C-alpha atoms as a PDB file:
ATOM      1  CA  MET A   1     163.665 101.240  63.439  1.00  0.00           C
ATOM      2  CA  THR A   2     161.167 102.389  60.795  1.00  0.00           C
ATOM      3  CA  ALA A   3     159.012 100.175  58.666  1.00  0.00           C
ATOM      4  CA  PRO A   4     160.136  99.741  55.058  1.00  0.00           C
ATOM      5  CA  ILE A   5     158.325 101.866  52.457  1.00  0.00           C
ATOM      6  CA  PRO A   6     156.277  99.640  50.140  1.00  0.00           C
ATOM      7  CA  ARG A   7     157.194  99.807  46.485  1.00  0.00           C
ATOM      8  CA  ASP A   8     153.642  99.664  45.162  1.00  0.00           C
ATOM      9  CA  ILE A   9     151.130 102.088  46.716  1.00  0.00           C
ATOM     10  CA  PRO A  10     147.539 101.235  45.851  1.00  0.00           C
ATOM     11  CA  ASP A  11     145.539 103.884  43.986  1.00  0.00           C
ATOM     12  CA  LEU A  12     143.004 105.855  45.959  1.00  0.00           C
ATOM     13  CA  PRO A  13     139.368 105.215  45.069  1.00  0.00           C
ATOM     14  CA  ALA A  14     137.868 107.709  42.605  1.00  0.00           C
ATOM     15  CA  ILE A  15     135.623 110.420  44.006  1.00  0.00           C
ATOM     16  CA  PRO A  16     132.117 109.998  42.600  1.00  0.00           C
ATOM     17  CA  GLY A  17     130.815 112.923  40.540  1.00  0.00           C
ATOM     18  CA  LYS A  18     132.620 115.906  39.132  1.00  0.00           C
ATOM     19  CA  PRO A  19     134.491 118.139  41.531  1.00  0.00           C
ATOM     20  CA  ALA A  20     132.643 121.415  41.951  1.00  0.00           C
ATOM     21  CA  LEU A  21     134.438 124.569  42.918  1.00  0.00           C
ATOM     22  CA  LYS A  22     132.632 127.088  45.027  1.00  0.00           C
ATOM     23  CA  PRO A  23     131.952 130.364  43.242  1.00  0.00           C
ATOM     24  CA  SER A  24     134.380 133.062  44.145  1.00  0.00           C
ATOM     25  CA  PRO A  25     133.047 136.450  43.054  1.00  0.00           C
ATOM     26  CA  VAL A  26     135.733 138.896  42.084  1.00  0.00           C
ATOM     27  CA  PRO A  27     134.991 142.607  42.351  1.00  0.00           C
ATOM     28  CA  ALA A  28     135.045 144.482  39.069  1.00  0.00           C
ATOM     29  CA  ALA A  29     137.671 146.832  40.467  1.00  0.00           C
ATOM     30  CA  ALA A  30     140.113 143.899  40.658  1.00  0.00           C
ATOM     31  CA  VAL A  31     139.706 143.237  36.930  1.00  0.00           C
ATOM     32  CA  VAL A  32     139.033 146.664  35.414  1.00  0.00           C
ATOM     33  CA  THR A  33     140.844 149.743  36.606  1.00  0.00           C
ATOM     34  CA  PRO A  34     138.327 152.283  37.961  1.00  0.00           C
ATOM     35  CA  VAL A  35     138.159 155.401  35.802  1.00  0.00           C
ATOM     36  CA  ARG A  36     137.034 158.823  36.898  1.00  0.00           C
ATOM     37  CA  ARG A  37     134.348 160.494  34.803  1.00  0.00           C
ATOM     38  CA  PRO A  38     134.817 164.251  35.113  1.00  0.00           C
ATOM     39  CA  ALA A  39     132.276 165.130  32.395  1.00  0.00           C
ATOM     40  CA  ALA A  40     129.578 163.053  34.086  1.00  0.00           C
ATOM     41  CA  THR A  41     130.510 164.618  37.415  1.00  0.00           C
ATOM     42  CA  ALA A  42     130.158 168.132  36.024  1.00  0.00           C
ATOM     43  CA  PHE A  43     126.813 167.435  34.357  1.00  0.00           C
ATOM     44  CA  ARG A  44     125.303 165.853  37.467  1.00  0.00           C
ATOM     45  CA  LEU A  45     126.518 168.699  39.636  1.00  0.00           C
ATOM     46  CA  LEU A  46     124.837 171.158  37.266  1.00  0.00           C
ATOM     47  CA  VAL A  47     121.545 169.255  37.514  1.00  0.00           C
ATOM     48  CA  ALA A  48     121.851 169.090  41.312  1.00  0.00           C
ATOM     49  CA  LEU A  49     122.587 172.822  41.516  1.00  0.00           C
ATOM     50  CA  ALA A  50     119.689 173.643  39.195  1.00  0.00           C
ATOM     51  CA  ALA A  51     117.276 171.580  41.297  1.00  0.00           C
ATOM     52  CA  THR A  52     118.590 173.164  44.498  1.00  0.00           C
ATOM     53  CA  ALA A  53     118.286 176.668  43.041  1.00  0.00           C
ATOM     54  CA  GLY A  54     114.731 176.017  41.828  1.00  0.00           C
ATOM     55  CA  VAL A  55     113.616 174.688  45.208  1.00  0.00           C
ATOM     56  CA  THR A  56     115.319 177.545  47.054  1.00  0.00           C
ATOM     57  CA  LEU A  57     113.673 180.186  44.865  1.00  0.00           C
ATOM     58  CA  GLY A  58     110.292 178.538  45.289  1.00  0.00           C
ATOM     59  CA  VAL A  59     110.617 178.496  49.073  1.00  0.00           C
ATOM     60  CA  VAL A  60     111.938 182.080  49.310  1.00  0.00           C
ATOM     61  CA  LEU A  61     109.372 183.605  46.944  1.00  0.00           C
ATOM     62  CA  GLY A  62     106.344 181.783  48.337  1.00  0.00           C
ATOM     63  CA  ASP A  63     104.915 180.258  51.465  1.00  0.00           C
ATOM     64  CA  PRO A  64     107.516 177.648  52.544  1.00  0.00           C
ATOM     65  CA  THR A  65     104.942 175.278  54.033  1.00  0.00           C
ATOM     66  CA  ARG A  66     102.798 175.318  50.916  1.00  0.00           C
ATOM     67  CA  THR A  67     105.755 175.231  48.521  1.00  0.00           C
ATOM     68  CA  LEU A  68     107.331 172.209  50.167  1.00  0.00           C
ATOM     69  CA  SER A  69     104.014 170.372  49.860  1.00  0.00           C
ATOM     70  CA  TYR A  70     104.130 170.226  46.048  1.00  0.00           C
ATOM     71  CA  PHE A  71     105.137 166.963  44.392  1.00  0.00           C
ATOM     72  CA  ALA A  72     107.474 168.765  41.970  1.00  0.00           C
ATOM     73  CA  ILE A  73     109.343 170.396  44.860  1.00  0.00           C
ATOM     74  CA  GLN A  74     109.769 167.125  46.743  1.00  0.00           C
ATOM     75  CA  SER A  75     110.856 165.226  43.632  1.00  0.00           C
ATOM     76  CA  ASN A  76     113.434 167.931  42.862  1.00  0.00           C
ATOM     77  CA  ILE A  77     114.831 167.709  46.392  1.00  0.00           C
ATOM     78  CA  LEU A  78     115.308 163.982  45.860  1.00  0.00           C
ATOM     79  CA  LEU A  79     116.802 164.617  42.416  1.00  0.00           C
ATOM     80  CA  ALA A  80     119.324 167.095  43.848  1.00  0.00           C
ATOM     81  CA  LEU A  81     120.469 164.611  46.500  1.00  0.00           C
ATOM     82  CA  VAL A  82     120.757 161.690  44.075  1.00  0.00           C
ATOM     83  CA  MET A  83     122.592 163.746  41.452  1.00  0.00           C
ATOM     84  CA  ALA A  84     125.049 165.052  44.031  1.00  0.00           C
ATOM     85  CA  LEU A  85     125.790 161.525  45.259  1.00  0.00           C
ATOM     86  CA  SER A  86     126.097 160.234  41.693  1.00  0.00           C
ATOM     87  CA  ALA A  87     128.503 163.055  40.855  1.00  0.00           C
ATOM     88  CA  HIS A  88     130.668 162.161  43.841  1.00  0.00           C
ATOM     89  CA  ARG A  89     130.764 158.494  42.832  1.00  0.00           C
ATOM     90  CA  ALA A  90     131.597 159.367  39.226  1.00  0.00           C
ATOM     91  CA  TRP A  91     134.485 161.571  40.388  1.00  0.00           C
ATOM     92  CA  THR A  92     135.875 158.985  42.808  1.00  0.00           C
ATOM     93  CA  ALA A  93     135.313 156.075  40.381  1.00  0.00           C
ATOM     94  CA  SER A  94     133.111 154.371  42.952  1.00  0.00           C
ATOM     95  CA  ARG A  95     130.279 151.948  42.320  1.00  0.00           C
ATOM     96  CA  PRO A  96     127.180 153.805  41.027  1.00  0.00           C
ATOM     97  CA  LEU A  97     124.034 154.122  43.089  1.00  0.00           C
ATOM     98  CA  PRO A  98     121.580 151.199  42.995  1.00  0.00           C
ATOM     99  CA  GLY A  99     119.364 151.041  39.944  1.00  0.00           C
ATOM    100  CA  ALA A 100     116.251 151.063  42.131  1.00  0.00           C
ATOM    101  CA  VAL A 101     117.190 154.503  43.517  1.00  0.00           C
ATOM    102  CA  LEU A 102     118.054 155.935  40.108  1.00  0.00           C
ATOM    103  CA  GLY A 103     114.877 154.525  38.555  1.00  0.00           C
ATOM    104  CA  ALA A 104     112.649 155.966  41.279  1.00  0.00           C
ATOM    105  CA  THR A 105     114.267 159.393  40.981  1.00  0.00           C
ATOM    106  CA  LEU A 106     113.900 159.346  37.205  1.00  0.00           C
ATOM    107  CA  LEU A 107     110.248 158.265  37.411  1.00  0.00           C
ATOM    108  CA  TYR A 108     109.303 161.023  39.855  1.00  0.00           C
ATOM    109  CA  ALA A 109     111.042 163.672  37.747  1.00  0.00           C
ATOM    110  CA  VAL A 110     109.213 162.509  34.619  1.00  0.00           C
ATOM    111  CA  ILE A 111     105.900 162.371  36.489  1.00  0.00           C
ATOM    112  CA  SER A 112     106.299 165.952  37.709  1.00  0.00           C
ATOM    113  CA  THR A 113     106.919 167.340  34.225  1.00  0.00           C
ATOM    114  CA  LEU A 114     104.241 165.260  32.481  1.00  0.00           C
ATOM    115  CA  VAL A 115     101.554 166.097  35.042  1.00  0.00           C
ATOM    116  CA  TYR A 116     102.327 169.781  34.740  1.00  0.00           C
ATOM    117  CA  HIS A 117     102.574 170.050  30.951  1.00  0.00           C
ATOM    118  CA  LEU A 118      99.811 167.570  30.049  1.00  0.00           C
ATOM    119  CA  LEU A 119      97.285 168.186  32.829  1.00  0.00           C
ATOM    120  CA  LEU A 120      97.876 171.466  34.638  1.00  0.00           C
ATOM    121  CA  ALA A 121      99.221 173.787  31.935  1.00  0.00           C
ATOM    122  CA  ASN A 122      97.153 172.270  29.120  1.00  0.00           C
ATOM    123  CA  GLU A 123      93.973 174.272  28.515  1.00  0.00           C
ATOM    124  CA  ALA A 124      92.308 171.254  26.900  1.00  0.00           C
ATOM    125  CA  SER A 125      92.799 169.177  30.048  1.00  0.00           C
ATOM    126  CA  PRO A 126      89.907 168.852  32.504  1.00  0.00           C
ATOM    127  CA  PHE A 127      92.423 169.522  35.293  1.00  0.00           C
ATOM    128  CA  SER A 128      93.977 172.679  33.878  1.00  0.00           C
ATOM    129  CA  LEU A 129      94.728 175.410  36.386  1.00  0.00           C
ATOM    130  CA  THR A 130      92.238 178.273  36.597  1.00  0.00           C
ATOM    131  CA  GLY A 131      92.154 181.674  38.270  1.00  0.00           C
ATOM    132  CA  GLU A 132      95.331 183.022  39.828  1.00  0.00           C
ATOM    133  CA  ALA A 133      97.020 179.625  39.613  1.00  0.00           C
ATOM    134  CA  ALA A 134      96.737 179.734  35.815  1.00  0.00           C
ATOM    135  CA  ALA A 135      98.527 183.090  35.538  1.00  0.00           C
ATOM    136  CA  ALA A 136     101.935 182.804  33.908  1.00  0.00           C
ATOM    137  CA  PRO A 137     104.705 183.397  36.477  1.00  0.00           C
ATOM    138  CA  THR A 138     107.076 186.291  35.940  1.00  0.00           C
ATOM    139  CA  GLY A 139     110.563 187.246  37.064  1.00  0.00           C
ATOM    140  CA  TRP A 140     112.340 184.907  39.436  1.00  0.00           C
ATOM    141  CA  GLN A 141     109.140 182.923  39.920  1.00  0.00           C
ATOM    142  CA  ALA A 142     109.206 182.071  36.225  1.00  0.00           C
ATOM    143  CA  VAL A 143     112.838 180.990  36.541  1.00  0.00           C
ATOM    144  CA  ALA A 144     112.019 178.684  39.452  1.00  0.00           C
ATOM    145  CA  HIS A 145     108.865 177.434  37.731  1.00  0.00           C
ATOM    146  CA  HIS A 146     110.524 176.419  34.469  1.00  0.00           C
ATOM    147  CA  THR A 147     113.575 175.042  36.248  1.00  0.00           C
ATOM    148  CA  LEU A 148     111.542 172.661  38.425  1.00  0.00           C
ATOM    149  CA  HIS A 149     109.027 171.553  35.792  1.00  0.00           C
ATOM    150  CA  THR A 150     111.155 171.456  32.649  1.00  0.00           C
ATOM    151  CA  LEU A 151     114.907 171.919  33.053  1.00  0.00           C
ATOM    152  CA  THR A 152     115.701 169.459  35.845  1.00  0.00           C
ATOM    153  CA  PRO A 153     113.453 166.645  34.489  1.00  0.00           C
ATOM    154  CA  ILE A 154     115.204 166.965  31.128  1.00  0.00           C
ATOM    155  CA  GLY A 155     118.537 166.794  32.935  1.00  0.00           C
ATOM    156  CA  ALA A 156     117.446 163.618  34.744  1.00  0.00           C
ATOM    157  CA  VAL A 157     116.420 161.982  31.450  1.00  0.00           C
ATOM    158  CA  LEU A 158     119.674 162.966  29.720  1.00  0.00           C
ATOM    159  CA  ASP A 159     121.728 161.597  32.609  1.00  0.00           C
ATOM    160  CA  TRP A 160     119.828 158.304  32.348  1.00  0.00           C
ATOM    161  CA  LEU A 161     120.198 158.048  28.574  1.00  0.00           C
ATOM    162  CA  LEU A 162     123.787 159.212  28.165  1.00  0.00           C
ATOM    163  CA  LEU A 163     125.639 158.639  31.417  1.00  0.00           C
ATOM    164  CA  THR A 164     124.320 155.391  32.920  1.00  0.00           C
ATOM    165  CA  THR A 165     124.717 151.755  31.995  1.00  0.00           C
ATOM    166  CA  PRO A 166     121.518 150.247  30.544  1.00  0.00           C
ATOM    167  CA  GLY A 167     119.730 147.238  31.987  1.00  0.00           C
ATOM    168  CA  ARG A 168     119.902 148.354  35.629  1.00  0.00           C
ATOM    169  CA  LEU A 169     116.152 148.916  36.033  1.00  0.00           C
ATOM    170  CA  HIS A 170     113.962 145.886  36.692  1.00  0.00           C
ATOM    171  CA  LEU A 171     110.253 145.241  36.424  1.00  0.00           C
ATOM    172  CA  ARG A 172     110.000 144.044  40.020  1.00  0.00           C
ATOM    173  CA  GLN A 173     111.018 147.526  41.145  1.00  0.00           C
ATOM    174  CA  ALA A 174     108.150 149.316  39.391  1.00  0.00           C
ATOM    175  CA  GLY A 175     105.603 148.526  42.092  1.00  0.00           C
ATOM    176  CA  THR A 176     107.956 149.733  44.825  1.00  0.00           C
ATOM    177  CA  TRP A 177     108.458 153.050  43.039  1.00  0.00           C
ATOM    178  CA  LEU A 178     104.731 153.780  43.374  1.00  0.00           C
ATOM    179  CA  LEU A 179     104.864 153.742  47.179  1.00  0.00           C
ATOM    180  CA  TYR A 180     105.932 157.376  47.284  1.00  0.00           C
ATOM    181  CA  PRO A 181     103.105 158.664  45.004  1.00  0.00           C
ATOM    182  CA  LEU A 182     100.695 156.648  47.154  1.00  0.00           C
ATOM    183  CA  ALA A 183     102.128 158.214  50.320  1.00  0.00           C
ATOM    184  CA  TYR A 184     101.890 161.643  48.687  1.00  0.00           C
ATOM    185  CA  LEU A 185      98.203 161.029  47.953  1.00  0.00           C
ATOM    186  CA  ALA A 186      97.576 160.268  51.627  1.00  0.00           C
ATOM    187  CA  PHE A 187      99.617 163.312  52.661  1.00  0.00           C
ATOM    188  CA  SER A 188      97.688 165.594  50.308  1.00  0.00           C
ATOM    189  CA  LEU A 189      94.289 164.398  51.513  1.00  0.00           C
ATOM    190  CA  ILE A 190      95.257 164.663  55.194  1.00  0.00           C
ATOM    191  CA  ARG A 191      96.716 168.124  54.608  1.00  0.00           C
ATOM    192  CA  GLY A 192      93.455 169.272  53.035  1.00  0.00           C
ATOM    193  CA  GLU A 193      91.446 167.986  55.986  1.00  0.00           C
ATOM    194  CA  LEU A 194      93.676 169.738  58.516  1.00  0.00           C
ATOM    195  CA  LEU A 195      93.354 173.133  56.818  1.00  0.00           C
ATOM    196  CA  LEU A 196      90.250 175.228  57.358  1.00  0.00           C
ATOM    197  CA  PRO A 197      87.683 175.426  54.522  1.00  0.00           C
ATOM    198  CA  GLY A 198      88.356 178.406  52.303  1.00  0.00           C
ATOM    199  CA  THR A 199      92.114 178.353  52.890  1.00  0.00           C
ATOM    200  CA  PRO A 200      93.966 179.273  49.662  1.00  0.00           C
ATOM    201  CA  ASP A 201      95.508 176.223  47.980  1.00  0.00           C
ATOM    202  CA  ARG A 202      93.873 173.903  50.457  1.00  0.00           C
ATOM    203  CA  HIS A 203      94.045 171.282  47.723  1.00  0.00           C
ATOM    204  CA  LEU A 204      97.204 171.761  45.658  1.00  0.00           C
ATOM    205  CA  TYR A 205      96.042 169.957  42.513  1.00  0.00           C
ATOM    206  CA  PRO A 206      92.643 170.124  40.753  1.00  0.00           C
ATOM    207  CA  PHE A 207      92.427 166.336  40.450  1.00  0.00           C
ATOM    208  CA  LEU A 208      92.761 166.069  44.247  1.00  0.00           C
ATOM    209  CA  ASP A 209      90.218 168.789  45.090  1.00  0.00           C
ATOM    210  CA  VAL A 210      87.854 167.019  47.481  1.00  0.00           C
ATOM    211  CA  ASP A 211      85.791 170.175  48.078  1.00  0.00           C
ATOM    212  CA  GLN A 212      84.849 170.376  44.405  1.00  0.00           C
ATOM    213  CA  ASP A 213      84.649 166.726  43.342  1.00  0.00           C
ATOM    214  CA  GLY A 214      84.247 164.693  46.528  1.00  0.00           C
ATOM    215  CA  TYR A 215      86.260 161.720  47.717  1.00  0.00           C
ATOM    216  CA  LYS A 216      84.749 159.249  45.267  1.00  0.00           C
ATOM    217  CA  ARG A 217      85.842 161.153  42.181  1.00  0.00           C
ATOM    218  CA  VAL A 218      89.188 162.154  43.690  1.00  0.00           C
ATOM    219  CA  LEU A 219      90.019 158.527  44.491  1.00  0.00           C
ATOM    220  CA  GLY A 220      88.972 157.588  40.947  1.00  0.00           C
ATOM    221  CA  ASN A 221      91.345 160.227  39.576  1.00  0.00           C
ATOM    222  CA  ALA A 222      94.088 158.904  41.828  1.00  0.00           C
ATOM    223  CA  LEU A 223      93.501 155.350  40.589  1.00  0.00           C
ATOM    224  CA  LEU A 224      93.745 156.403  36.935  1.00  0.00           C
ATOM    225  CA  LEU A 225      96.893 158.399  37.626  1.00  0.00           C
ATOM    226  CA  GLY A 226      98.397 155.504  39.573  1.00  0.00           C
ATOM    227  CA  LEU A 227      97.797 153.116  36.686  1.00  0.00           C
ATOM    228  CA  SER A 228      99.341 155.660  34.311  1.00  0.00           C
ATOM    229  CA  PHE A 229     102.380 156.008  36.572  1.00  0.00           C
ATOM    230  CA  TYR A 230     102.792 152.221  36.691  1.00  0.00           C
ATOM    231  CA  ALA A 231     102.592 152.038  32.888  1.00  0.00           C
ATOM    232  CA  LEU A 232     105.205 154.797  32.707  1.00  0.00           C
ATOM    233  CA  ALA A 233     107.460 152.866  35.084  1.00  0.00           C
ATOM    234  CA  ILE A 234     107.154 149.739  32.921  1.00  0.00           C
ATOM    235  CA  LEU A 235     107.960 151.809  29.834  1.00  0.00           C
ATOM    236  CA  LEU A 236     111.101 153.200  31.465  1.00  0.00           C
ATOM    237  CA  VAL A 237     112.225 149.682  32.395  1.00  0.00           C
ATOM    238  CA  ALA A 238     111.633 148.452  28.833  1.00  0.00           C
ATOM    239  CA  LEU A 239     113.513 151.399  27.338  1.00  0.00           C
ATOM    240  CA  ASP A 240     116.351 150.886  29.799  1.00  0.00           C
ATOM    241  CA  HIS A 241     116.873 147.347  28.503  1.00  0.00           C
ATOM    242  CA  ALA A 242     116.429 148.289  24.836  1.00  0.00           C
ATOM    243  CA  ARG A 243     118.667 151.364  24.629  1.00  0.00           C
ATOM    244  CA  PRO A 244     122.341 151.126  23.604  1.00  0.00           C
ATOM    245  CA  ASN A 245     125.182 151.436  26.073  1.00  0.00           C
ATOM    246  CA  PRO A 246     126.733 154.898  25.630  1.00  0.00           C
ATOM    247  CA  LEU A 247     129.554 154.069  28.049  1.00  0.00           C
ATOM    248  CA  ARG A 248     130.774 150.943  26.270  1.00  0.00           C
ATOM    249  CA  HIS A 249     130.077 152.072  22.705  1.00  0.00           C
ATOM    250  CA  PRO A 250     130.201 155.873  22.720  1.00  0.00           C
ATOM    251  CA  TRP A 251     130.402 156.000  18.934  1.00  0.00           C
ATOM    252  CA  LYS A 252     126.814 154.803  18.664  1.00  0.00           C
ATOM    253  CA  THR A 253     125.462 157.963  20.260  1.00  0.00           C
ATOM    254  CA  GLY A 254     128.218 160.418  19.430  1.00  0.00           C
ATOM    255  CA  PHE A 255     128.805 161.295  23.093  1.00  0.00           C
ATOM    256  CA  ARG A 256     132.040 160.500  24.876  1.00  0.00           C
ATOM    257  CA  LEU A 257     131.250 161.465  28.465  1.00  0.00           C
END
């Protein structure tokens, strides 16, 4: 026999506090249908191909060891890789690359073009190129030169302004981005010490010429450039948060890519 069911069941005591549900993040793909971006894919592939062509011409037409030691060459190699990966993700509607990677690539591309046009190619600059290095390149060398120092940096800036979501760069990343320029400084100084005195292009940049200025002045130049690069990184972060979103509101910029 079973016990009779009571007619009145006492209420359960109330649970103190408000019930809290654990956060359950939902991927954006489950809410918004991923969309391919063929125009963005095509543009990024063009930038990647231009950077690859510029680096290839520079290596073929010059000394490969010396050519690959330039900051502009190394930054363009990185730009080609990042643009190719970004093009693939835009075509497959995948999640874009991390903002830290895109910001670093953009910063290095801007640094390479600003250093060249403001310091090396500017006759009023104390670090302007002299002698054979100051001679204007011709033929395919001119094509590679202008591609690496002007065309691909402009492409990187346009991709950032027109094809990426704003607000992905953060101030805490700016210091990390400077690790590569710092490593390049060490590489350049060590390279100069390993080469014999009198070797052509022993020091690739006038502001890093230890033979002419000594370590004290070279390190001072490096400090001023490093502070300028950090200020540039902060400016890029500020502009990234202030610019409109061309992907959400294409009518604001007139581009529908």
